[in-house]
Amino acid sequence: MDGAGQVDGATSSPVAERWADVDGPVFYADFGGPADGPLIVCVHGLGASHTSWWAFAPLLARHGRVLALDLAGFGRTVAAGRRTDVESNRRLLAGFLGAVAGERPVLLVGNSMGGMISLLQAAADPRSVAGLVLISPALPIPRLRPPDASILGMFGGMVLPKVGSMVLARRRQVYTTEQLVEQALVRTMVDVRRVPADAFAAMVALSKERAERPGWDVDSDAALVAATRSVVGRLARPRELAAAVAAVTAPTLLVHGLQDRLVPVAAARHAARRRPDWRCEILDDCGHLAQLEAPDQTIALVDDWLRGAGAAAVQAGSSAIPAQQAPRS
């Protein structure tokens, strides 16, 4: 990616590759961190993976042990008969939390679809979540603030029967892996050159690894199309999400990019009006992936929140130390 460079403070760190069993193998990256802090679990967005936390997780690990899982159908977690819609991956997240944390509540950090799933988990099982950090979560959008027209077209094609898979297959024939990764980032960011070079390399390497699996394209396309339909369907019927917003009891930090073209900033402001107890921060020169595009600004907000309203999350999440998960060969 031309011009990609290292963001100040966002350095790479050794990452342990681990697996949990949640009705099948679930991959997660263990970024380490102090064992006496809270357990922090990062949940990626639509079409993404654990690599979307590559720049941010090492910074977050100053507060506690950071894990970033791949949801079913994404990254290294093959669907293997599991559904990939929002509710199914919410249940997978619940099972994952039980596997890695037991009864200990965790600090959930979710982006985009992962923010939606994290929100639903916090509402469904408040005891499992000590605190929430939502980065451009997929939340109901006020009617007068629709997404960017090009984004609407992209999602429109994905939800039509057979069209989504055809579009994805065609793009793979035309573009290289590097180009596909860069194009995905361009749609979500103000300036793709801000992505750290090691994060971009990790995304490309994972994409190439996935391409080596027999039948990966059919499975991957089906997972992405099903997840996209599920996200769009929930946004089109926002009552359940509104109820989840109202039901969350955990302290919550909401971070949103002002230039977000996928989920307009109006969605975050709408949620913040409903929950004035949440802290809502808007990053002016940032898009949909603040953890990649502005990791230093984002971690500064998290640091400050954890010293204030989020301090209760640190205390609750540090009450017990879970058993270490052994790597799976």
C-alpha atoms as a PDB file:
ATOM      1  CA  MET A   1       0.000   0.000   0.000  1.00  0.00           C
ATOM      2  CA  ASP A   2       1.682   3.169  -1.168  1.00  0.00           C
ATOM      3  CA  GLY A   3       2.387   5.626   1.602  1.00  0.00           C
ATOM      4  CA  ALA A   4       1.412   3.338   4.479  1.00  0.00           C
ATOM      5  CA  GLY A   5       3.518   4.060   7.517  1.00  0.00           C
ATOM      6  CA  GLN A   6       3.802   3.438  11.209  1.00  0.00           C
ATOM      7  CA  VAL A   7       1.493   5.510  13.398  1.00  0.00           C
ATOM      8  CA  ASP A   8       3.230   7.004  16.409  1.00  0.00           C
ATOM      9  CA  GLY A   9       2.731   4.790  19.431  1.00  0.00           C
ATOM     10  CA  ALA A  10       1.113   1.951  17.428  1.00  0.00           C
ATOM     11  CA  THR A  11       3.942  -0.547  17.433  1.00  0.00           C
ATOM     12  CA  SER A  12       3.540  -4.244  16.812  1.00  0.00           C
ATOM     13  CA  SER A  13       4.014  -6.737  19.637  1.00  0.00           C
ATOM     14  CA  PRO A  14       4.320 -10.527  19.814  1.00  0.00           C
ATOM     15  CA  VAL A  15       0.888 -12.089  19.390  1.00  0.00           C
ATOM     16  CA  ALA A  16       0.048 -15.559  20.677  1.00  0.00           C
ATOM     17  CA  GLU A  17      -2.248 -17.551  18.395  1.00  0.00           C
ATOM     18  CA  ARG A  18      -4.817 -19.478  20.410  1.00  0.00           C
ATOM     19  CA  TRP A  19      -8.030 -21.460  19.981  1.00  0.00           C
ATOM     20  CA  ALA A  20     -11.143 -21.953  22.068  1.00  0.00           C
ATOM     21  CA  ASP A  21     -13.918 -24.493  21.554  1.00  0.00           C
ATOM     22  CA  VAL A  22     -17.364 -22.922  21.119  1.00  0.00           C
ATOM     23  CA  ASP A  23     -19.361 -25.547  19.224  1.00  0.00           C
ATOM     24  CA  GLY A  24     -16.246 -25.780  17.080  1.00  0.00           C
ATOM     25  CA  PRO A  25     -12.845 -24.062  16.900  1.00  0.00           C
ATOM     26  CA  VAL A  26     -12.722 -20.297  17.470  1.00  0.00           C
ATOM     27  CA  PHE A  27      -9.446 -18.513  16.786  1.00  0.00           C
ATOM     28  CA  TYR A  28      -8.268 -15.617  18.904  1.00  0.00           C
ATOM     29  CA  ALA A  29      -5.144 -13.497  19.110  1.00  0.00           C
ATOM     30  CA  ASP A  30      -3.709 -12.948  22.577  1.00  0.00           C
ATOM     31  CA  PHE A  31      -1.920  -9.598  22.754  1.00  0.00           C
ATOM     32  CA  GLY A  32      -0.873 -10.096  26.365  1.00  0.00           C
ATOM     33  CA  GLY A  33      -1.087  -7.522  29.128  1.00  0.00           C
ATOM     34  CA  PRO A  34      -0.987  -7.436  32.944  1.00  0.00           C
ATOM     35  CA  ALA A  35      -2.800 -10.369  34.547  1.00  0.00           C
ATOM     36  CA  ASP A  36      -4.002  -8.240  37.458  1.00  0.00           C
ATOM     37  CA  GLY A  37      -6.024  -5.967  35.172  1.00  0.00           C
ATOM     38  CA  PRO A  38      -9.354  -6.632  33.487  1.00  0.00           C
ATOM     39  CA  LEU A  39      -9.692  -9.168  30.705  1.00  0.00           C
ATOM     40  CA  ILE A  40     -10.357  -7.195  27.508  1.00  0.00           C
ATOM     41  CA  VAL A  41     -12.067  -8.837  24.526  1.00  0.00           C
ATOM     42  CA  CYS A  42     -12.124  -7.122  21.121  1.00  0.00           C
ATOM     43  CA  VAL A  43     -14.874  -7.914  18.605  1.00  0.00           C
ATOM     44  CA  HIS A  44     -14.289  -7.046  14.937  1.00  0.00           C
ATOM     45  CA  GLY A  45     -16.687  -5.714  12.347  1.00  0.00           C
ATOM     46  CA  LEU A  46     -18.277  -7.025   9.161  1.00  0.00           C
ATOM     47  CA  GLY A  47     -15.757  -8.605   6.786  1.00  0.00           C
ATOM     48  CA  ALA A  48     -12.916  -8.004   9.251  1.00  0.00           C
ATOM     49  CA  SER A  49     -10.935 -10.153  11.697  1.00  0.00           C
ATOM     50  CA  HIS A  50      -8.600  -9.963  14.680  1.00  0.00           C
ATOM     51  CA  THR A  51      -6.171  -8.038  12.451  1.00  0.00           C
ATOM     52  CA  SER A  52      -8.373  -4.934  12.639  1.00  0.00           C
ATOM     53  CA  TRP A  53      -7.075  -4.547  16.228  1.00  0.00           C
ATOM     54  CA  TRP A  54      -3.397  -4.868  15.256  1.00  0.00           C
ATOM     55  CA  ALA A  55      -2.549  -1.209  15.896  1.00  0.00           C
ATOM     56  CA  PHE A  56      -4.803  -0.715  18.907  1.00  0.00           C
ATOM     57  CA  ALA A  57      -4.568  -3.881  20.989  1.00  0.00           C
ATOM     58  CA  PRO A  58      -0.906  -3.356  22.029  1.00  0.00           C
ATOM     59  CA  LEU A  59      -1.878   0.076  23.351  1.00  0.00           C
ATOM     60  CA  LEU A  60      -4.941  -1.310  25.103  1.00  0.00           C
ATOM     61  CA  ALA A  61      -2.799  -4.021  26.724  1.00  0.00           C
ATOM     62  CA  ARG A  62      -1.418  -1.498  29.200  1.00  0.00           C
ATOM     63  CA  HIS A  63      -4.705  -1.941  31.081  1.00  0.00           C
ATOM     64  CA  GLY A  64      -5.175  -5.718  31.005  1.00  0.00           C
ATOM     65  CA  ARG A  65      -4.843  -8.885  28.968  1.00  0.00           C
ATOM     66  CA  VAL A  66      -6.258  -8.277  25.480  1.00  0.00           C
ATOM     67  CA  LEU A  67      -7.857 -10.976  23.345  1.00  0.00           C
ATOM     68  CA  ALA A  68      -9.269 -10.465  19.850  1.00  0.00           C
ATOM     69  CA  LEU A  69     -11.414 -13.285  18.481  1.00  0.00           C
ATOM     70  CA  ASP A  70     -12.484 -14.104  14.944  1.00  0.00           C
ATOM     71  CA  LEU A  71     -16.253 -14.517  14.736  1.00  0.00           C
ATOM     72  CA  ALA A  72     -17.742 -17.499  12.878  1.00  0.00           C
ATOM     73  CA  GLY A  73     -17.100 -17.185   9.144  1.00  0.00           C
ATOM     74  CA  PHE A  74     -14.375 -14.563   9.515  1.00  0.00           C
ATOM     75  CA  GLY A  75     -10.597 -14.621   9.872  1.00  0.00           C
ATOM     76  CA  ARG A  76      -9.415 -18.067  10.921  1.00  0.00           C
ATOM     77  CA  THR A  77     -12.726 -19.157  12.462  1.00  0.00           C
ATOM     78  CA  VAL A  78     -14.411 -21.299   9.826  1.00  0.00           C
ATOM     79  CA  ALA A  79     -18.201 -21.392  10.097  1.00  0.00           C
ATOM     80  CA  ALA A  80     -18.114 -25.229  10.073  1.00  0.00           C
ATOM     81  CA  GLY A  81     -21.890 -25.522  10.158  1.00  0.00           C
ATOM     82  CA  ARG A  82     -22.366 -22.562  12.490  1.00  0.00           C
ATOM     83  CA  ARG A  83     -24.532 -19.661  11.348  1.00  0.00           C
ATOM     84  CA  THR A  84     -22.880 -16.254  10.818  1.00  0.00           C
ATOM     85  CA  ASP A  85     -25.788 -13.885  11.438  1.00  0.00           C
ATOM     86  CA  VAL A  86     -25.643 -11.340  14.256  1.00  0.00           C
ATOM     87  CA  GLU A  87     -27.536 -13.349  16.872  1.00  0.00           C
ATOM     88  CA  SER A  88     -25.593 -16.542  16.171  1.00  0.00           C
ATOM     89  CA  ASN A  89     -22.296 -14.702  16.546  1.00  0.00           C
ATOM     90  CA  ARG A  90     -23.641 -13.029  19.685  1.00  0.00           C
ATOM     91  CA  ARG A  91     -24.163 -16.499  21.129  1.00  0.00           C
ATOM     92  CA  LEU A  92     -20.691 -17.503  19.925  1.00  0.00           C
ATOM     93  CA  LEU A  93     -19.277 -14.463  21.751  1.00  0.00           C
ATOM     94  CA  ALA A  94     -21.152 -15.490  24.913  1.00  0.00           C
ATOM     95  CA  GLY A  95     -19.676 -18.980  24.668  1.00  0.00           C
ATOM     96  CA  PHE A  96     -16.223 -17.546  24.057  1.00  0.00           C
ATOM     97  CA  LEU A  97     -16.478 -15.351  27.148  1.00  0.00           C
ATOM     98  CA  GLY A  98     -17.425 -18.378  29.187  1.00  0.00           C
ATOM     99  CA  ALA A  99     -14.482 -20.322  27.782  1.00  0.00           C
ATOM    100  CA  VAL A 100     -11.801 -17.692  28.412  1.00  0.00           C
ATOM    101  CA  ALA A 101     -13.210 -15.797  31.411  1.00  0.00           C
ATOM    102  CA  GLY A 102     -15.526 -18.164  33.235  1.00  0.00           C
ATOM    103  CA  GLU A 103     -17.702 -16.130  35.604  1.00  0.00           C
ATOM    104  CA  ARG A 104     -15.442 -13.081  35.392  1.00  0.00           C
ATOM    105  CA  PRO A 105     -16.957 -10.063  33.603  1.00  0.00           C
ATOM    106  CA  VAL A 106     -14.861  -8.616  30.787  1.00  0.00           C
ATOM    107  CA  LEU A 107     -14.328  -5.258  29.169  1.00  0.00           C
ATOM    108  CA  LEU A 108     -15.836  -5.627  25.679  1.00  0.00           C
ATOM    109  CA  VAL A 109     -14.463  -3.477  22.855  1.00  0.00           C
ATOM    110  CA  GLY A 110     -16.492  -3.712  19.651  1.00  0.00           C
ATOM    111  CA  ASN A 111     -16.271  -2.039  16.253  1.00  0.00           C
ATOM    112  CA  SER A 112     -19.076  -1.773  13.673  1.00  0.00           C
ATOM    113  CA  MET A 113     -20.963  -5.111  13.585  1.00  0.00           C
ATOM    114  CA  GLY A 114     -18.789  -6.139  16.528  1.00  0.00           C
ATOM    115  CA  GLY A 115     -20.098  -3.101  18.388  1.00  0.00           C
ATOM    116  CA  MET A 116     -23.667  -4.215  17.677  1.00  0.00           C
ATOM    117  CA  ILE A 117     -22.871  -7.739  18.889  1.00  0.00           C
ATOM    118  CA  SER A 118     -21.109  -6.427  22.005  1.00  0.00           C
ATOM    119  CA  LEU A 119     -24.069  -4.190  22.803  1.00  0.00           C
ATOM    120  CA  LEU A 120     -26.500  -7.112  22.445  1.00  0.00           C
ATOM    121  CA  GLN A 121     -24.293  -9.285  24.669  1.00  0.00           C
ATOM    122  CA  ALA A 122     -24.175  -6.612  27.381  1.00  0.00           C
ATOM    123  CA  ALA A 123     -27.968  -6.344  27.266  1.00  0.00           C
ATOM    124  CA  ALA A 124     -28.577 -10.114  27.176  1.00  0.00           C
ATOM    125  CA  ASP A 125     -26.162 -10.999  29.994  1.00  0.00           C
ATOM    126  CA  PRO A 126     -25.156  -7.961  32.059  1.00  0.00           C
ATOM    127  CA  ARG A 127     -23.097 -10.122  34.420  1.00  0.00           C
ATOM    128  CA  SER A 128     -20.696 -11.039  31.617  1.00  0.00           C
ATOM    129  CA  VAL A 129     -19.743  -7.445  30.750  1.00  0.00           C
ATOM    130  CA  ALA A 130     -17.915  -5.121  33.135  1.00  0.00           C
ATOM    131  CA  GLY A 131     -17.710  -2.261  30.634  1.00  0.00           C
ATOM    132  CA  LEU A 132     -18.270  -1.418  26.968  1.00  0.00           C
ATOM    133  CA  VAL A 133     -16.163   0.509  24.477  1.00  0.00           C
ATOM    134  CA  LEU A 134     -18.103   0.895  21.227  1.00  0.00           C
ATOM    135  CA  ILE A 135     -16.196   2.197  18.197  1.00  0.00           C
ATOM    136  CA  SER A 136     -18.534   3.268  15.381  1.00  0.00           C
ATOM    137  CA  PRO A 137     -21.026   0.556  16.354  1.00  0.00           C
ATOM    138  CA  ALA A 138     -23.752  -0.411  13.900  1.00  0.00           C
ATOM    139  CA  LEU A 139     -26.688   1.326  15.580  1.00  0.00           C
ATOM    140  CA  PRO A 140     -30.045   2.579  14.266  1.00  0.00           C
ATOM    141  CA  ILE A 141     -29.636   5.527  11.918  1.00  0.00           C
ATOM    142  CA  PRO A 142     -32.072   8.472  12.013  1.00  0.00           C
ATOM    143  CA  ARG A 143     -34.044   8.590   8.759  1.00  0.00           C
ATOM    144  CA  LEU A 144     -32.740  11.993   7.799  1.00  0.00           C
ATOM    145  CA  ARG A 145     -29.104  10.834   7.989  1.00  0.00           C
ATOM    146  CA  PRO A 146     -28.676   7.922   5.552  1.00  0.00           C
ATOM    147  CA  PRO A 147     -25.256   6.363   4.828  1.00  0.00           C
ATOM    148  CA  ASP A 148     -23.147   7.483   1.881  1.00  0.00           C
ATOM    149  CA  ALA A 149     -24.802   6.625  -1.477  1.00  0.00           C
ATOM    150  CA  SER A 150     -21.923   4.376  -2.566  1.00  0.00           C
ATOM    151  CA  ILE A 151     -22.165   2.473   0.702  1.00  0.00           C
ATOM    152  CA  LEU A 152     -25.914   2.060   0.290  1.00  0.00           C
ATOM    153  CA  GLY A 153     -25.317   0.612  -3.170  1.00  0.00           C
ATOM    154  CA  MET A 154     -22.726  -1.822  -1.862  1.00  0.00           C
ATOM    155  CA  PHE A 155     -24.975  -3.110   0.931  1.00  0.00           C
ATOM    156  CA  GLY A 156     -27.952  -3.181  -1.416  1.00  0.00           C
ATOM    157  CA  GLY A 157     -26.114  -5.539  -3.734  1.00  0.00           C
ATOM    158  CA  MET A 158     -24.976  -7.747  -0.863  1.00  0.00           C
ATOM    159  CA  VAL A 159     -28.477  -8.406   0.461  1.00  0.00           C
ATOM    160  CA  LEU A 160     -29.993  -9.397  -2.910  1.00  0.00           C
ATOM    161  CA  PRO A 161     -30.231 -13.169  -3.515  1.00  0.00           C
ATOM    162  CA  LYS A 162     -27.145 -14.514  -5.378  1.00  0.00           C
ATOM    163  CA  VAL A 163     -25.958 -11.005  -6.257  1.00  0.00           C
ATOM    164  CA  GLY A 164     -23.637 -10.623  -3.261  1.00  0.00           C
ATOM    165  CA  SER A 165     -21.681 -13.804  -3.988  1.00  0.00           C
ATOM    166  CA  MET A 166     -21.413 -12.920  -7.672  1.00  0.00           C
ATOM    167  CA  VAL A 167     -20.031  -9.467  -6.888  1.00  0.00           C
ATOM    168  CA  LEU A 168     -17.465 -10.867  -4.454  1.00  0.00           C
ATOM    169  CA  ALA A 169     -16.342 -13.556  -6.903  1.00  0.00           C
ATOM    170  CA  ARG A 170     -15.978 -11.020  -9.710  1.00  0.00           C
ATOM    171  CA  ARG A 171     -13.855  -8.702  -7.573  1.00  0.00           C
ATOM    172  CA  ARG A 172     -11.436 -11.521  -6.769  1.00  0.00           C
ATOM    173  CA  GLN A 173     -10.932 -12.108 -10.485  1.00  0.00           C
ATOM    174  CA  VAL A 174     -10.103  -8.463 -11.157  1.00  0.00           C
ATOM    175  CA  TYR A 175      -8.033  -7.344  -8.165  1.00  0.00           C
ATOM    176  CA  THR A 176      -5.049  -8.649  -6.233  1.00  0.00           C
ATOM    177  CA  THR A 177      -5.322  -9.443  -2.535  1.00  0.00           C
ATOM    178  CA  GLU A 178      -3.454  -6.259  -1.663  1.00  0.00           C
ATOM    179  CA  GLN A 179      -5.831  -4.193  -3.797  1.00  0.00           C
ATOM    180  CA  LEU A 180      -8.912  -5.787  -2.250  1.00  0.00           C
ATOM    181  CA  VAL A 181      -7.676  -5.072   1.278  1.00  0.00           C
ATOM    182  CA  GLU A 182      -6.792  -1.501   0.378  1.00  0.00           C
ATOM    183  CA  GLN A 183     -10.155  -0.890  -1.288  1.00  0.00           C
ATOM    184  CA  ALA A 184     -11.958  -2.120   1.814  1.00  0.00           C
ATOM    185  CA  LEU A 185      -9.960   0.307   3.929  1.00  0.00           C
ATOM    186  CA  VAL A 186     -10.540   3.190   1.514  1.00  0.00           C
ATOM    187  CA  ARG A 187     -14.301   2.761   1.964  1.00  0.00           C
ATOM    188  CA  THR A 188     -13.977   3.022   5.720  1.00  0.00           C
ATOM    189  CA  MET A 189     -11.331   5.707   6.275  1.00  0.00           C
ATOM    190  CA  VAL A 190     -10.519   9.339   5.663  1.00  0.00           C
ATOM    191  CA  ASP A 191      -6.909   8.546   4.723  1.00  0.00           C
ATOM    192  CA  VAL A 192      -5.798   4.960   4.175  1.00  0.00           C
ATOM    193  CA  ARG A 193      -2.150   6.035   4.416  1.00  0.00           C
ATOM    194  CA  ARG A 194      -2.621   6.254   8.181  1.00  0.00           C
ATOM    195  CA  VAL A 195      -2.882   2.484   8.503  1.00  0.00           C
ATOM    196  CA  PRO A 196       0.317   1.139  10.084  1.00  0.00           C
ATOM    197  CA  ALA A 197       2.340  -0.906   7.617  1.00  0.00           C
ATOM    198  CA  ASP A 198       2.433  -3.951   9.923  1.00  0.00           C
ATOM    199  CA  ALA A 199      -1.350  -3.904  10.326  1.00  0.00           C
ATOM    200  CA  PHE A 200      -1.854  -3.785   6.558  1.00  0.00           C
ATOM    201  CA  ALA A 201       0.646  -6.615   6.107  1.00  0.00           C
ATOM    202  CA  ALA A 202      -1.196  -8.725   8.693  1.00  0.00           C
ATOM    203  CA  MET A 203      -4.502  -8.215   6.861  1.00  0.00           C
ATOM    204  CA  VAL A 204      -3.018  -9.179   3.514  1.00  0.00           C
ATOM    205  CA  ALA A 205      -1.264 -12.232   4.971  1.00  0.00           C
ATOM    206  CA  LEU A 206      -4.488 -13.465   6.559  1.00  0.00           C
ATOM    207  CA  SER A 207      -6.420 -12.945   3.328  1.00  0.00           C
ATOM    208  CA  LYS A 208      -3.841 -14.982   1.414  1.00  0.00           C
ATOM    209  CA  GLU A 209      -3.903 -17.683   4.082  1.00  0.00           C
ATOM    210  CA  ARG A 210      -7.694 -17.931   3.778  1.00  0.00           C
ATOM    211  CA  ALA A 211      -7.405 -18.206  -0.018  1.00  0.00           C
ATOM    212  CA  GLU A 212      -5.340 -21.385   0.373  1.00  0.00           C
ATOM    213  CA  ARG A 213      -8.194 -23.268   2.071  1.00  0.00           C
ATOM    214  CA  PRO A 214     -10.173 -25.624  -0.185  1.00  0.00           C
ATOM    215  CA  GLY A 215     -13.581 -24.098  -0.884  1.00  0.00           C
ATOM    216  CA  TRP A 216     -12.762 -20.978   1.095  1.00  0.00           C
ATOM    217  CA  ASP A 217     -14.346 -18.628  -1.453  1.00  0.00           C
ATOM    218  CA  VAL A 218     -17.795 -20.232  -1.329  1.00  0.00           C
ATOM    219  CA  ASP A 219     -17.755 -20.508   2.471  1.00  0.00           C
ATOM    220  CA  SER A 220     -16.388 -16.995   2.969  1.00  0.00           C
ATOM    221  CA  ASP A 221     -18.845 -15.401   0.568  1.00  0.00           C
ATOM    222  CA  ALA A 222     -21.800 -17.192   2.158  1.00  0.00           C
ATOM    223  CA  ALA A 223     -20.696 -16.104   5.639  1.00  0.00           C
ATOM    224  CA  LEU A 224     -20.236 -12.478   4.610  1.00  0.00           C
ATOM    225  CA  VAL A 225     -23.537 -12.287   2.735  1.00  0.00           C
ATOM    226  CA  ALA A 226     -25.456 -13.848   5.644  1.00  0.00           C
ATOM    227  CA  ALA A 227     -23.838 -11.508   8.158  1.00  0.00           C
ATOM    228  CA  THR A 228     -24.484  -8.451   5.972  1.00  0.00           C
ATOM    229  CA  ARG A 229     -28.150  -9.345   5.556  1.00  0.00           C
ATOM    230  CA  SER A 230     -28.454  -9.796   9.292  1.00  0.00           C
ATOM    231  CA  VAL A 231     -26.866  -6.427  10.111  1.00  0.00           C
ATOM    232  CA  VAL A 232     -28.965  -4.590   7.510  1.00  0.00           C
ATOM    233  CA  GLY A 233     -32.107  -6.366   8.717  1.00  0.00           C
ATOM    234  CA  ARG A 234     -31.550  -5.304  12.315  1.00  0.00           C
ATOM    235  CA  LEU A 235     -30.877  -1.718  11.320  1.00  0.00           C
ATOM    236  CA  ALA A 236     -34.064  -1.721   9.257  1.00  0.00           C
ATOM    237  CA  ARG A 237     -36.008  -2.966  12.310  1.00  0.00           C
ATOM    238  CA  PRO A 238     -34.336  -0.953  15.063  1.00  0.00           C
ATOM    239  CA  ARG A 239     -36.684  -1.713  17.965  1.00  0.00           C
ATOM    240  CA  GLU A 240     -34.543  -4.529  19.388  1.00  0.00           C
ATOM    241  CA  LEU A 241     -31.367  -2.458  19.151  1.00  0.00           C
ATOM    242  CA  ALA A 242     -33.094   0.482  20.830  1.00  0.00           C
ATOM    243  CA  ALA A 243     -34.182  -1.857  23.614  1.00  0.00           C
ATOM    244  CA  ALA A 244     -30.613  -3.129  23.970  1.00  0.00           C
ATOM    245  CA  VAL A 245     -29.283   0.424  24.228  1.00  0.00           C
ATOM    246  CA  ALA A 246     -31.772   1.067  27.014  1.00  0.00           C
ATOM    247  CA  ALA A 247     -30.970  -2.206  28.807  1.00  0.00           C
ATOM    248  CA  VAL A 248     -27.180  -1.872  29.090  1.00  0.00           C
ATOM    249  CA  THR A 249     -26.080  -1.444  32.697  1.00  0.00           C
ATOM    250  CA  ALA A 250     -22.304  -1.475  32.146  1.00  0.00           C
ATOM    251  CA  PRO A 251     -20.414   1.828  31.950  1.00  0.00           C
ATOM    252  CA  THR A 252     -20.021   2.650  28.270  1.00  0.00           C
ATOM    253  CA  LEU A 253     -17.696   4.735  26.097  1.00  0.00           C
ATOM    254  CA  LEU A 254     -18.945   5.484  22.585  1.00  0.00           C
ATOM    255  CA  VAL A 255     -16.349   6.644  20.026  1.00  0.00           C
ATOM    256  CA  HIS A 256     -17.376   7.623  16.504  1.00  0.00           C
ATOM    257  CA  GLY A 257     -15.635   9.161  13.513  1.00  0.00           C
ATOM    258  CA  LEU A 258     -17.233  12.332  12.179  1.00  0.00           C
ATOM    259  CA  GLN A 259     -16.350  11.250   8.620  1.00  0.00           C
ATOM    260  CA  ASP A 260     -17.780   7.739   8.988  1.00  0.00           C
ATOM    261  CA  ARG A 261     -19.501   6.843   5.684  1.00  0.00           C
ATOM    262  CA  LEU A 262     -20.781   3.413   6.769  1.00  0.00           C
ATOM    263  CA  VAL A 263     -22.557   4.387   9.992  1.00  0.00           C
ATOM    264  CA  PRO A 264     -23.273   8.135  10.051  1.00  0.00           C
ATOM    265  CA  VAL A 265     -22.254   9.962  13.193  1.00  0.00           C
ATOM    266  CA  ALA A 266     -25.936  10.797  13.694  1.00  0.00           C
ATOM    267  CA  ALA A 267     -26.407   7.202  14.900  1.00  0.00           C
ATOM    268  CA  ALA A 268     -23.950   7.754  17.759  1.00  0.00           C
ATOM    269  CA  ARG A 269     -25.480  11.097  18.670  1.00  0.00           C
ATOM    270  CA  HIS A 270     -28.935   9.524  18.652  1.00  0.00           C
ATOM    271  CA  ALA A 271     -27.762   6.792  21.047  1.00  0.00           C
ATOM    272  CA  ALA A 272     -26.017   9.351  23.262  1.00  0.00           C
ATOM    273  CA  ARG A 273     -29.241  11.339  23.622  1.00  0.00           C
ATOM    274  CA  ARG A 274     -30.990   8.176  24.776  1.00  0.00           C
ATOM    275  CA  ARG A 275     -28.146   7.354  27.181  1.00  0.00           C
ATOM    276  CA  PRO A 276     -26.748  10.592  28.630  1.00  0.00           C
ATOM    277  CA  ASP A 277     -24.832   8.475  31.163  1.00  0.00           C
ATOM    278  CA  TRP A 278     -22.677   7.107  28.338  1.00  0.00           C
ATOM    279  CA  ARG A 279     -19.610   9.070  27.387  1.00  0.00           C
ATOM    280  CA  CYS A 280     -19.734   9.937  23.678  1.00  0.00           C
ATOM    281  CA  GLU A 281     -16.655  11.197  21.841  1.00  0.00           C
ATOM    282  CA  ILE A 282     -16.546  12.286  18.187  1.00  0.00           C
ATOM    283  CA  LEU A 283     -13.216  12.224  16.329  1.00  0.00           C
ATOM    284  CA  ASP A 284     -13.339  14.988  13.706  1.00  0.00           C
ATOM    285  CA  ASP A 285     -10.874  13.712  11.109  1.00  0.00           C
ATOM    286  CA  CYS A 286     -11.692  10.018  11.286  1.00  0.00           C
ATOM    287  CA  GLY A 287     -13.870   7.424   9.580  1.00  0.00           C
ATOM    288  CA  HIS A 288     -15.284   4.042  10.572  1.00  0.00           C
ATOM    289  CA  LEU A 289     -12.144   2.370  11.961  1.00  0.00           C
ATOM    290  CA  ALA A 290     -10.790   4.698  14.630  1.00  0.00           C
ATOM    291  CA  GLN A 291      -8.737   1.871  16.144  1.00  0.00           C
ATOM    292  CA  LEU A 292      -6.759   1.658  12.888  1.00  0.00           C
ATOM    293  CA  GLU A 293      -6.890   5.217  11.621  1.00  0.00           C
ATOM    294  CA  ALA A 294      -6.427   7.060  14.916  1.00  0.00           C
ATOM    295  CA  PRO A 295      -5.174   4.552  17.510  1.00  0.00           C
ATOM    296  CA  ASP A 296      -3.374   7.146  19.620  1.00  0.00           C
ATOM    297  CA  GLN A 297      -6.401   9.433  19.831  1.00  0.00           C
ATOM    298  CA  THR A 298      -8.664   6.500  20.569  1.00  0.00           C
ATOM    299  CA  ILE A 299      -6.483   5.044  23.323  1.00  0.00           C
ATOM    300  CA  ALA A 300      -6.226   8.494  24.912  1.00  0.00           C
ATOM    301  CA  LEU A 301     -10.030   8.557  25.165  1.00  0.00           C
ATOM    302  CA  VAL A 302     -10.088   5.036  26.616  1.00  0.00           C
ATOM    303  CA  ASP A 303      -7.336   5.888  29.119  1.00  0.00           C
ATOM    304  CA  ASP A 304      -9.237   8.939  30.330  1.00  0.00           C
ATOM    305  CA  TRP A 305     -12.564   7.084  30.512  1.00  0.00           C
ATOM    306  CA  LEU A 306     -11.030   4.248  32.526  1.00  0.00           C
ATOM    307  CA  ARG A 307      -9.754   6.781  35.031  1.00  0.00           C
ATOM    308  CA  GLY A 308     -13.277   8.210  35.383  1.00  0.00           C
ATOM    309  CA  ALA A 309     -16.628   6.650  34.553  1.00  0.00           C
ATOM    310  CA  GLY A 310     -14.984   3.443  33.350  1.00  0.00           C
ATOM    311  CA  ALA A 311     -13.065   2.872  36.592  1.00  0.00           C
ATOM    312  CA  ALA A 312     -15.892   0.625  37.812  1.00  0.00           C
ATOM    313  CA  ALA A 313     -15.304  -1.613  34.792  1.00  0.00           C
ATOM    314  CA  VAL A 314     -11.629  -1.999  35.710  1.00  0.00           C
ATOM    315  CA  GLN A 315     -12.519  -2.871  39.295  1.00  0.00           C
ATOM    316  CA  ALA A 316     -15.216  -5.374  38.327  1.00  0.00           C
ATOM    317  CA  GLY A 317     -13.088  -6.974  35.624  1.00  0.00           C
ATOM    318  CA  SER A 318     -10.039  -7.304  37.883  1.00  0.00           C
ATOM    319  CA  SER A 319     -11.850  -9.228  40.606  1.00  0.00           C
ATOM    320  CA  ALA A 320     -10.585 -12.658  39.492  1.00  0.00           C
ATOM    321  CA  ILE A 321      -7.912 -14.086  37.237  1.00  0.00           C
ATOM    322  CA  PRO A 322      -9.032 -16.607  34.589  1.00  0.00           C
ATOM    323  CA  ALA A 323      -7.071 -19.709  33.674  1.00  0.00           C
ATOM    324  CA  GLN A 324      -4.706 -19.302  30.733  1.00  0.00           C
ATOM    325  CA  GLN A 325      -5.847 -20.895  27.498  1.00  0.00           C
ATOM    326  CA  ALA A 326      -3.327 -23.245  25.938  1.00  0.00           C
ATOM    327  CA  PRO A 327      -2.536 -22.855  22.230  1.00  0.00           C
ATOM    328  CA  ARG A 328      -4.242 -25.370  19.954  1.00  0.00           C
ATOM    329  CA  SER A 329      -2.038 -26.988  17.322  1.00  0.00           C
END
